[in-house]
Amino acid sequence: MSSVKISIIGAGSAVFSLRLVSDLCKTPSLSGSV
């Protein structure tokens, strides 16, 4: 399986960005990709 790359450009506020990254990290299919 190829590695997953996630880019966030212009995600708004810092709080929104952190929540978005947190939610992505909790996604089972992306587990261990950070």
Protein backbone atom coordinates (compact mmCIF):
# COMPACT_ATOMS: atom_id res chain seq x y z
CA MET A 1 0.00 0.00 0.00
CA SER A 2 1.35 3.44 -0.86
CA SER A 3 1.90 6.03 1.85
CA VAL A 4 -0.78 8.60 2.52
CA LYS A 5 0.07 12.29 2.18
CA ILE A 6 -2.28 14.92 3.55
CA SER A 7 -1.93 18.64 2.82
CA ILE A 8 -4.01 21.34 4.44
CA ILE A 9 -3.86 24.72 2.73
CA GLY A 10 -5.81 27.67 4.07
CA ALA A 11 -7.73 25.69 6.67
CA GLY A 12 -8.97 28.78 8.51
CA SER A 13 -8.33 29.25 12.21
CA ALA A 14 -5.72 27.34 14.19
CA VAL A 15 -8.41 25.59 16.27
CA PHE A 16 -10.20 24.38 13.14
CA SER A 17 -6.91 23.11 11.68
CA LEU A 18 -6.03 21.19 14.84
CA ARG A 19 -9.49 19.60 15.00
CA LEU A 20 -9.30 18.64 11.35
CA VAL A 21 -5.90 16.98 11.76
CA SER A 22 -7.10 15.29 14.96
CA ASP A 23 -10.16 13.88 13.19
CA LEU A 24 -8.01 12.64 10.30
CA CYS A 25 -5.63 10.91 12.70
CA LYS A 26 -8.57 9.16 14.38
CA THR A 27 -9.82 7.77 11.06
CA PRO A 28 -9.19 3.98 11.13
CA SER A 29 -8.05 3.80 7.50
CA LEU A 30 -5.37 6.45 8.16
CA SER A 31 -4.14 4.86 11.39
CA GLY A 32 -0.35 4.98 11.69
CA SER A 33 0.20 7.33 8.75
CA VAL A 34 1.35 10.26 10.91
